[in-house]
Amino acid sequence: MDKTVRKVRNQDSNPCIEESDASQKCLGAYNYDSRMCSAYFQRYKSCRKYWHSIMQQRRRDGVRPDIPTAAERQEMLAAIGGKPY
């Protein structure tokens, strides 16, 4: 597995792996008819938008790393009662 693929599949650097996998699975199930998977795509876009805003806020606040680790994200989501997207 090359470096780019490992980074995309890394839970600490990609908070939306679950949503990405779900949309890919949907595409496979519906013979790549993207119209059938629009809800999955929207959920992925919402996930990316949510974590991007978190990342921007952390940068403004000077918090490192920019994106929370997988463990931190689980705690954050538990504190707000689940995924907001």
PDB file of N, CA and C in Angstrom:
ATOM      1  N   MET A   1       0.859  -1.177   0.000  1.00  0.00           N
ATOM      2  CA  MET A   1       0.000   0.000   0.000  1.00  0.00           C
ATOM      3  C   MET A   1       0.899   1.232   0.000  1.00  0.00           C
ATOM      4  N   ASP A   2       0.668   2.161  -0.929  1.00  0.00           N
ATOM      5  CA  ASP A   2       1.535   3.334  -0.969  1.00  0.00           C
ATOM      6  C   ASP A   2       1.176   4.349   0.122  1.00  0.00           C
ATOM      7  N   LYS A   3       2.016   5.341   0.268  1.00  0.00           N
ATOM      8  CA  LYS A   3       1.900   6.305   1.372  1.00  0.00           C
ATOM      9  C   LYS A   3       0.578   7.079   1.333  1.00  0.00           C
ATOM     10  N   THR A   4       0.133   7.470   0.144  1.00  0.00           N
ATOM     11  CA  THR A   4      -1.108   8.235   0.013  1.00  0.00           C
ATOM     12  C   THR A   4      -2.313   7.414   0.458  1.00  0.00           C
ATOM     13  N   VAL A   5      -2.358   6.168   0.054  1.00  0.00           N
ATOM     14  CA  VAL A   5      -3.475   5.298   0.420  1.00  0.00           C
ATOM     15  C   VAL A   5      -3.485   5.064   1.925  1.00  0.00           C
ATOM     16  N   ARG A   6      -2.308   4.842   2.513  1.00  0.00           N
ATOM     17  CA  ARG A   6      -2.219   4.641   3.962  1.00  0.00           C
ATOM     18  C   ARG A   6      -2.722   5.875   4.704  1.00  0.00           C
ATOM     19  N   LYS A   7      -2.388   7.074   4.202  1.00  0.00           N
ATOM     20  CA  LYS A   7      -2.819   8.303   4.864  1.00  0.00           C
ATOM     21  C   LYS A   7      -4.336   8.455   4.803  1.00  0.00           C
ATOM     22  N   VAL A   8      -4.923   8.167   3.664  1.00  0.00           N
ATOM     23  CA  VAL A   8      -6.369   8.278   3.499  1.00  0.00           C
ATOM     24  C   VAL A   8      -7.094   7.265   4.373  1.00  0.00           C
ATOM     25  N   ARG A   9      -6.512   6.092   4.562  1.00  0.00           N
ATOM     26  CA  ARG A   9      -7.132   5.037   5.353  1.00  0.00           C
ATOM     27  C   ARG A   9      -6.795   5.133   6.845  1.00  0.00           C
ATOM     28  N   ASN A  10      -5.993   6.117   7.234  1.00  0.00           N
ATOM     29  CA  ASN A  10      -5.579   6.278   8.623  1.00  0.00           C
ATOM     30  C   ASN A  10      -6.680   6.978   9.420  1.00  0.00           C
ATOM     31  N   GLN A  11      -7.154   6.341  10.485  1.00  0.00           N
ATOM     32  CA  GLN A  11      -8.229   6.909  11.308  1.00  0.00           C
ATOM     33  C   GLN A  11      -7.845   8.251  11.919  1.00  0.00           C
ATOM     34  N   ASP A  12      -6.564   8.445  12.238  1.00  0.00           N
ATOM     35  CA  ASP A  12      -6.155   9.697  12.862  1.00  0.00           C
ATOM     36  C   ASP A  12      -6.123  10.872  11.891  1.00  0.00           C
ATOM     37  N   SER A  13      -5.915  10.619  10.610  1.00  0.00           N
ATOM     38  CA  SER A  13      -5.845  11.721   9.661  1.00  0.00           C
ATOM     39  C   SER A  13      -7.112  11.878   8.818  1.00  0.00           C
ATOM     40  N   ASN A  14      -7.997  10.885   8.835  1.00  0.00           N
ATOM     41  CA  ASN A  14      -9.229  10.964   8.046  1.00  0.00           C
ATOM     42  C   ASN A  14     -10.422  10.601   8.929  1.00  0.00           C
ATOM     43  N   PRO A  15     -11.150  11.605   9.402  1.00  0.00           N
ATOM     44  CA  PRO A  15     -12.280  11.333  10.296  1.00  0.00           C
ATOM     45  C   PRO A  15     -13.516  10.781   9.597  1.00  0.00           C
ATOM     46  N   CYS A  16     -13.516  10.738   8.280  1.00  0.00           N
ATOM     47  CA  CYS A  16     -14.725  10.349   7.546  1.00  0.00           C
ATOM     48  C   CYS A  16     -14.564   9.035   6.789  1.00  0.00           C
ATOM     49  N   ILE A  17     -13.728   8.146   7.297  1.00  0.00           N
ATOM     50  CA  ILE A  17     -13.524   6.853   6.628  1.00  0.00           C
ATOM     51  C   ILE A  17     -14.824   6.064   6.566  1.00  0.00           C
ATOM     52  N   GLU A  18     -15.572   6.057   7.647  1.00  0.00           N
ATOM     53  CA  GLU A  18     -16.827   5.294   7.687  1.00  0.00           C
ATOM     54  C   GLU A  18     -17.797   5.776   6.612  1.00  0.00           C
ATOM     55  N   GLU A  19     -17.939   7.084   6.463  1.00  0.00           N
ATOM     56  CA  GLU A  19     -18.847   7.645   5.459  1.00  0.00           C
ATOM     57  C   GLU A  19     -18.330   7.383   4.043  1.00  0.00           C
ATOM     58  N   SER A  20     -17.015   7.464   3.874  1.00  0.00           N
ATOM     59  CA  SER A  20     -16.410   7.195   2.577  1.00  0.00           C
ATOM     60  C   SER A  20     -16.643   5.740   2.172  1.00  0.00           C
ATOM     61  N   ASP A  21     -16.417   4.821   3.104  1.00  0.00           N
ATOM     62  CA  ASP A  21     -16.629   3.405   2.816  1.00  0.00           C
ATOM     63  C   ASP A  21     -18.091   3.117   2.478  1.00  0.00           C
ATOM     64  N   ALA A  22     -19.010   3.768   3.195  1.00  0.00           N
ATOM     65  CA  ALA A  22     -20.435   3.549   2.938  1.00  0.00           C
ATOM     66  C   ALA A  22     -20.811   4.018   1.532  1.00  0.00           C
ATOM     67  N   SER A  23     -20.281   5.158   1.104  1.00  0.00           N
ATOM     68  CA  SER A  23     -20.624   5.638  -0.237  1.00  0.00           C
ATOM     69  C   SER A  23     -20.000   4.749  -1.310  1.00  0.00           C
ATOM     70  N   GLN A  24     -18.783   4.254  -1.083  1.00  0.00           N
ATOM     71  CA  GLN A  24     -18.159   3.333  -2.039  1.00  0.00           C
ATOM     72  C   GLN A  24     -18.927   2.017  -2.120  1.00  0.00           C
ATOM     73  N   LYS A  25     -19.378   1.540  -0.973  1.00  0.00           N
ATOM     74  CA  LYS A  25     -20.153   0.295  -0.943  1.00  0.00           C
ATOM     75  C   LYS A  25     -21.477   0.478  -1.691  1.00  0.00           C
ATOM     76  N   CYS A  26     -22.108   1.632  -1.510  1.00  0.00           N
ATOM     77  CA  CYS A  26     -23.354   1.922  -2.215  1.00  0.00           C
ATOM     78  C   CYS A  26     -23.128   1.945  -3.721  1.00  0.00           C
ATOM     79  N   LEU A  27     -22.064   2.601  -4.139  1.00  0.00           N
ATOM     80  CA  LEU A  27     -21.769   2.644  -5.573  1.00  0.00           C
ATOM     81  C   LEU A  27     -21.586   1.243  -6.137  1.00  0.00           C
ATOM     82  N   GLY A  28     -20.879   0.403  -5.409  1.00  0.00           N
ATOM     83  CA  GLY A  28     -20.679  -0.970  -5.858  1.00  0.00           C
ATOM     84  C   GLY A  28     -21.992  -1.734  -5.936  1.00  0.00           C
ATOM     85  N   ALA A  29     -22.870  -1.507  -4.958  1.00  0.00           N
ATOM     86  CA  ALA A  29     -24.149  -2.220  -4.917  1.00  0.00           C
ATOM     87  C   ALA A  29     -25.087  -1.789  -6.045  1.00  0.00           C
ATOM     88  N   TYR A  30     -24.999  -0.530  -6.452  1.00  0.00           N
ATOM     89  CA  TYR A  30     -25.900  -0.003  -7.473  1.00  0.00           C
ATOM     90  C   TYR A  30     -25.207   0.203  -8.814  1.00  0.00           C
ATOM     91  N   ASN A  31     -24.156  -0.590  -9.058  1.00  0.00           N
ATOM     92  CA  ASN A  31     -23.477  -0.562 -10.350  1.00  0.00           C
ATOM     93  C   ASN A  31     -23.026   0.853 -10.733  1.00  0.00           C
ATOM     94  N   TYR A  32     -22.513   1.580  -9.763  1.00  0.00           N
ATOM     95  CA  TYR A  32     -21.965   2.930  -9.932  1.00  0.00           C
ATOM     96  C   TYR A  32     -22.972   3.940 -10.482  1.00  0.00           C
ATOM     97  N   ASP A  33     -24.221   3.761 -10.122  1.00  0.00           N
ATOM     98  CA  ASP A  33     -25.257   4.739 -10.455  1.00  0.00           C
ATOM     99  C   ASP A  33     -25.311   5.741  -9.296  1.00  0.00           C
ATOM    100  N   SER A  34     -24.668   6.891  -9.495  1.00  0.00           N
ATOM    101  CA  SER A  34     -24.508   7.849  -8.405  1.00  0.00           C
ATOM    102  C   SER A  34     -25.837   8.436  -7.921  1.00  0.00           C
ATOM    103  N   ARG A  35     -26.859   8.399  -8.743  1.00  0.00           N
ATOM    104  CA  ARG A  35     -28.166   8.924  -8.317  1.00  0.00           C
ATOM    105  C   ARG A  35     -28.732   8.130  -7.144  1.00  0.00           C
ATOM    106  N   MET A  36     -28.398   6.844  -7.085  1.00  0.00           N
ATOM    107  CA  MET A  36     -28.918   5.982  -6.026  1.00  0.00           C
ATOM    108  C   MET A  36     -28.212   6.205  -4.688  1.00  0.00           C
ATOM    109  N   CYS A  37     -27.078   6.899  -4.716  1.00  0.00           N
ATOM    110  CA  CYS A  37     -26.248   7.034  -3.515  1.00  0.00           C
ATOM    111  C   CYS A  37     -26.127   8.471  -3.032  1.00  0.00           C
ATOM    112  N   SER A  38     -27.005   9.341  -3.443  1.00  0.00           N
ATOM    113  CA  SER A  38     -26.870  10.757  -3.097  1.00  0.00           C
ATOM    114  C   SER A  38     -26.919  10.998  -1.585  1.00  0.00           C
ATOM    115  N   ALA A  39     -27.697  10.214  -0.850  1.00  0.00           N
ATOM    116  CA  ALA A  39     -27.754  10.386   0.609  1.00  0.00           C
ATOM    117  C   ALA A  39     -26.400  10.065   1.239  1.00  0.00           C
ATOM    118  N   TYR A  40     -25.726   9.046   0.728  1.00  0.00           N
ATOM    119  CA  TYR A  40     -24.402   8.697   1.236  1.00  0.00           C
ATOM    120  C   TYR A  40     -23.385   9.785   0.915  1.00  0.00           C
ATOM    121  N   PHE A  41     -23.480  10.326  -0.297  1.00  0.00           N
ATOM    122  CA  PHE A  41     -22.564  11.398  -0.681  1.00  0.00           C
ATOM    123  C   PHE A  41     -22.784  12.631   0.185  1.00  0.00           C
ATOM    124  N   GLN A  42     -24.037  12.948   0.459  1.00  0.00           N
ATOM    125  CA  GLN A  42     -24.349  14.114   1.282  1.00  0.00           C
ATOM    126  C   GLN A  42     -23.825  13.925   2.704  1.00  0.00           C
ATOM    127  N   ARG A  43     -23.958  12.735   3.223  1.00  0.00           N
ATOM    128  CA  ARG A  43     -23.449  12.451   4.575  1.00  0.00           C
ATOM    129  C   ARG A  43     -21.930  12.594   4.616  1.00  0.00           C
ATOM    130  N   TYR A  44     -21.251  12.132   3.569  1.00  0.00           N
ATOM    131  CA  TYR A  44     -19.795  12.274   3.496  1.00  0.00           C
ATOM    132  C   TYR A  44     -19.406  13.754   3.421  1.00  0.00           C
ATOM    133  N   LYS A  45     -20.099  14.505   2.577  1.00  0.00           N
ATOM    134  CA  LYS A  45     -19.802  15.938   2.453  1.00  0.00           C
ATOM    135  C   LYS A  45     -20.041  16.660   3.769  1.00  0.00           C
ATOM    136  N   SER A  46     -21.107  16.300   4.463  1.00  0.00           N
ATOM    137  CA  SER A  46     -21.395  16.920   5.756  1.00  0.00           C
ATOM    138  C   SER A  46     -20.323  16.575   6.781  1.00  0.00           C
ATOM    139  N   CYS A  47     -19.858  15.348   6.759  1.00  0.00           N
ATOM    140  CA  CYS A  47     -18.792  14.914   7.656  1.00  0.00           C
ATOM    141  C   CYS A  47     -17.531  15.730   7.397  1.00  0.00           C
ATOM    142  N   ARG A  48     -17.134  15.808   6.138  1.00  0.00           N
ATOM    143  CA  ARG A  48     -15.923  16.555   5.794  1.00  0.00           C
ATOM    144  C   ARG A  48     -16.069  18.024   6.194  1.00  0.00           C
ATOM    145  N   LYS A  49     -17.225  18.608   5.947  1.00  0.00           N
ATOM    146  CA  LYS A  49     -17.452  20.015   6.292  1.00  0.00           C
ATOM    147  C   LYS A  49     -17.361  20.225   7.802  1.00  0.00           C
ATOM    148  N   TYR A  50     -17.958  19.324   8.577  1.00  0.00           N
ATOM    149  CA  TYR A  50     -17.943  19.438  10.037  1.00  0.00           C
ATOM    150  C   TYR A  50     -16.516  19.367  10.570  1.00  0.00           C
ATOM    151  N   TRP A  51     -15.755  18.343  10.158  1.00  0.00           N
ATOM    152  CA  TRP A  51     -14.394  18.189  10.682  1.00  0.00           C
ATOM    153  C   TRP A  51     -13.453  19.240  10.138  1.00  0.00           C
ATOM    154  N   HIS A  52     -13.733  19.760   8.952  1.00  0.00           N
ATOM    155  CA  HIS A  52     -12.924  20.860   8.422  1.00  0.00           C
ATOM    156  C   HIS A  52     -13.112  22.112   9.281  1.00  0.00           C
ATOM    157  N   SER A  53     -14.340  22.367   9.698  1.00  0.00           N
ATOM    158  CA  SER A  53     -14.572  23.535  10.558  1.00  0.00           C
ATOM    159  C   SER A  53     -13.891  23.362  11.915  1.00  0.00           C
ATOM    160  N   ILE A  54     -13.878  22.137  12.443  1.00  0.00           N
ATOM    161  CA  ILE A  54     -13.164  21.849  13.695  1.00  0.00           C
ATOM    162  C   ILE A  54     -11.669  22.099  13.500  1.00  0.00           C
ATOM    163  N   MET A  55     -11.144  21.639  12.377  1.00  0.00           N
ATOM    164  CA  MET A  55      -9.725  21.803  12.083  1.00  0.00           C
ATOM    165  C   MET A  55      -9.361  23.289  11.971  1.00  0.00           C
ATOM    166  N   GLN A  56     -10.194  24.075  11.304  1.00  0.00           N
ATOM    167  CA  GLN A  56      -9.932  25.507  11.181  1.00  0.00           C
ATOM    168  C   GLN A  56      -9.939  26.190  12.549  1.00  0.00           C
ATOM    169  N   GLN A  57     -10.896  25.821  13.400  1.00  0.00           N
ATOM    170  CA  GLN A  57     -10.981  26.414  14.725  1.00  0.00           C
ATOM    171  C   GLN A  57      -9.742  26.059  15.556  1.00  0.00           C
ATOM    172  N   ARG A  58      -9.301  24.824  15.471  1.00  0.00           N
ATOM    173  CA  ARG A  58      -8.107  24.402  16.210  1.00  0.00           C
ATOM    174  C   ARG A  58      -6.877  25.155  15.724  1.00  0.00           C
ATOM    175  N   ARG A  59      -6.778  25.396  14.424  1.00  0.00           N
ATOM    176  CA  ARG A  59      -5.653  26.178  13.895  1.00  0.00           C
ATOM    177  C   ARG A  59      -5.692  27.596  14.454  1.00  0.00           C
ATOM    178  N   ARG A  60      -6.877  28.204  14.451  1.00  0.00           N
ATOM    179  CA  ARG A  60      -7.007  29.569  14.989  1.00  0.00           C
ATOM    180  C   ARG A  60      -6.613  29.620  16.459  1.00  0.00           C
ATOM    181  N   ASP A  61      -6.969  28.560  17.191  1.00  0.00           N
ATOM    182  CA  ASP A  61      -6.679  28.506  18.623  1.00  0.00           C
ATOM    183  C   ASP A  61      -5.252  28.047  18.925  1.00  0.00           C
ATOM    184  N   GLY A  62      -4.505  27.644  17.895  1.00  0.00           N
ATOM    185  CA  GLY A  62      -3.132  27.201  18.078  1.00  0.00           C
ATOM    186  C   GLY A  62      -3.010  25.803  18.651  1.00  0.00           C
ATOM    187  N   VAL A  63      -4.041  24.981  18.478  1.00  0.00           N
ATOM    188  CA  VAL A  63      -4.035  23.609  18.996  1.00  0.00           C
ATOM    189  C   VAL A  63      -3.398  22.684  17.953  1.00  0.00           C
ATOM    190  N   ARG A  64      -2.499  21.833  18.401  1.00  0.00           N
ATOM    191  CA  ARG A  64      -1.872  20.849  17.529  1.00  0.00           C
ATOM    192  C   ARG A  64      -2.191  19.468  18.033  1.00  0.00           C
ATOM    193  N   PRO A  65      -2.402  18.485  17.205  1.00  0.00           N
ATOM    194  CA  PRO A  65      -2.509  18.563  15.753  1.00  0.00           C
ATOM    195  C   PRO A  65      -3.809  19.253  15.330  1.00  0.00           C
ATOM    196  N   ASP A  66      -3.829  19.699  14.078  1.00  0.00           N
ATOM    197  CA  ASP A  66      -4.999  20.433  13.566  1.00  0.00           C
ATOM    198  C   ASP A  66      -6.268  19.598  13.645  1.00  0.00           C
ATOM    199  N   ILE A  67      -6.152  18.343  13.254  1.00  0.00           N
ATOM    200  CA  ILE A  67      -7.318  17.454  13.279  1.00  0.00           C
ATOM    201  C   ILE A  67      -7.216  16.601  14.548  1.00  0.00           C
ATOM    202  N   PRO A  68      -8.281  16.495  15.308  1.00  0.00           N
ATOM    203  CA  PRO A  68      -8.228  15.669  16.517  1.00  0.00           C
ATOM    204  C   PRO A  68      -7.923  14.208  16.183  1.00  0.00           C
ATOM    205  N   THR A  69      -7.263  13.529  17.097  1.00  0.00           N
ATOM    206  CA  THR A  69      -6.992  12.104  16.887  1.00  0.00           C
ATOM    207  C   THR A  69      -8.315  11.340  16.939  1.00  0.00           C
ATOM    208  N   ALA A  70      -8.267  10.090  16.529  1.00  0.00           N
ATOM    209  CA  ALA A  70      -9.485   9.265  16.525  1.00  0.00           C
ATOM    210  C   ALA A  70     -10.087   9.184  17.924  1.00  0.00           C
ATOM    211  N   ALA A  71      -9.252   9.034  18.932  1.00  0.00           N
ATOM    212  CA  ALA A  71      -9.747   8.943  20.309  1.00  0.00           C
ATOM    213  C   ALA A  71     -10.393  10.254  20.748  1.00  0.00           C
ATOM    214  N   GLU A  72      -9.775  11.373  20.406  1.00  0.00           N
ATOM    215  CA  GLU A  72     -10.347  12.683  20.747  1.00  0.00           C
ATOM    216  C   GLU A  72     -11.684  12.896  20.045  1.00  0.00           C
ATOM    217  N   ARG A  73     -11.761  12.477  18.786  1.00  0.00           N
ATOM    218  CA  ARG A  73     -13.013  12.637  18.037  1.00  0.00           C
ATOM    219  C   ARG A  73     -14.134  11.833  18.674  1.00  0.00           C
ATOM    220  N   GLN A  74     -13.822  10.612  19.124  1.00  0.00           N
ATOM    221  CA  GLN A  74     -14.842   9.793  19.784  1.00  0.00           C
ATOM    222  C   GLN A  74     -15.354  10.488  21.041  1.00  0.00           C
ATOM    223  N   GLU A  75     -14.451  11.071  21.809  1.00  0.00           N
ATOM    224  CA  GLU A  75     -14.852  11.798  23.019  1.00  0.00           C
ATOM    225  C   GLU A  75     -15.709  13.016  22.665  1.00  0.00           C
ATOM    226  N   MET A  76     -15.307  13.742  21.623  1.00  0.00           N
ATOM    227  CA  MET A  76     -16.062  14.928  21.201  1.00  0.00           C
ATOM    228  C   MET A  76     -17.473  14.542  20.764  1.00  0.00           C
ATOM    229  N   LEU A  77     -17.578  13.481  19.982  1.00  0.00           N
ATOM    230  CA  LEU A  77     -18.891  13.046  19.497  1.00  0.00           C
ATOM    231  C   LEU A  77     -19.753  12.540  20.646  1.00  0.00           C
ATOM    232  N   ALA A  78     -19.148  11.846  21.599  1.00  0.00           N
ATOM    233  CA  ALA A  78     -19.896  11.357  22.755  1.00  0.00           C
ATOM    234  C   ALA A  78     -20.411  12.523  23.585  1.00  0.00           C
ATOM    235  N   ALA A  79     -19.613  13.582  23.688  1.00  0.00           N
ATOM    236  CA  ALA A  79     -20.017  14.747  24.488  1.00  0.00           C
ATOM    237  C   ALA A  79     -21.217  15.476  23.891  1.00  0.00           C
ATOM    238  N   ILE A  80     -21.323  15.439  22.548  1.00  0.00           N
ATOM    239  CA  ILE A  80     -22.460  16.125  21.910  1.00  0.00           C
ATOM    240  C   ILE A  80     -23.608  15.168  21.593  1.00  0.00           C
ATOM    241  N   GLY A  81     -23.443  13.900  21.960  1.00  0.00           N
ATOM    242  CA  GLY A  81     -24.536  12.943  21.782  1.00  0.00           C
ATOM    243  C   GLY A  81     -24.589  12.259  20.440  1.00  0.00           C
ATOM    244  N   GLY A  82     -23.490  12.164  19.737  1.00  0.00           N
ATOM    245  CA  GLY A  82     -23.457  11.469  18.456  1.00  0.00           C
ATOM    246  C   GLY A  82     -23.005  12.365  17.340  1.00  0.00           C
ATOM    247  N   LYS A  83     -23.061  11.852  16.145  1.00  0.00           N
ATOM    248  CA  LYS A  83     -22.609  12.604  14.974  1.00  0.00           C
ATOM    249  C   LYS A  83     -23.601  13.701  14.635  1.00  0.00           C
ATOM    250  N   PRO A  84     -23.116  14.934  14.449  1.00  0.00           N
ATOM    251  CA  PRO A  84     -24.022  16.037  14.115  1.00  0.00           C
ATOM    252  C   PRO A  84     -24.335  16.126  12.626  1.00  0.00           C
ATOM    253  N   TYR A  85     -23.883  15.180  11.854  1.00  0.00           N
ATOM    254  CA  TYR A  85     -24.081  15.216  10.406  1.00  0.00           C
ATOM    255  C   TYR A  85     -24.801  13.999   9.920  1.00  0.00           C
TER     256      TYR A  85
END
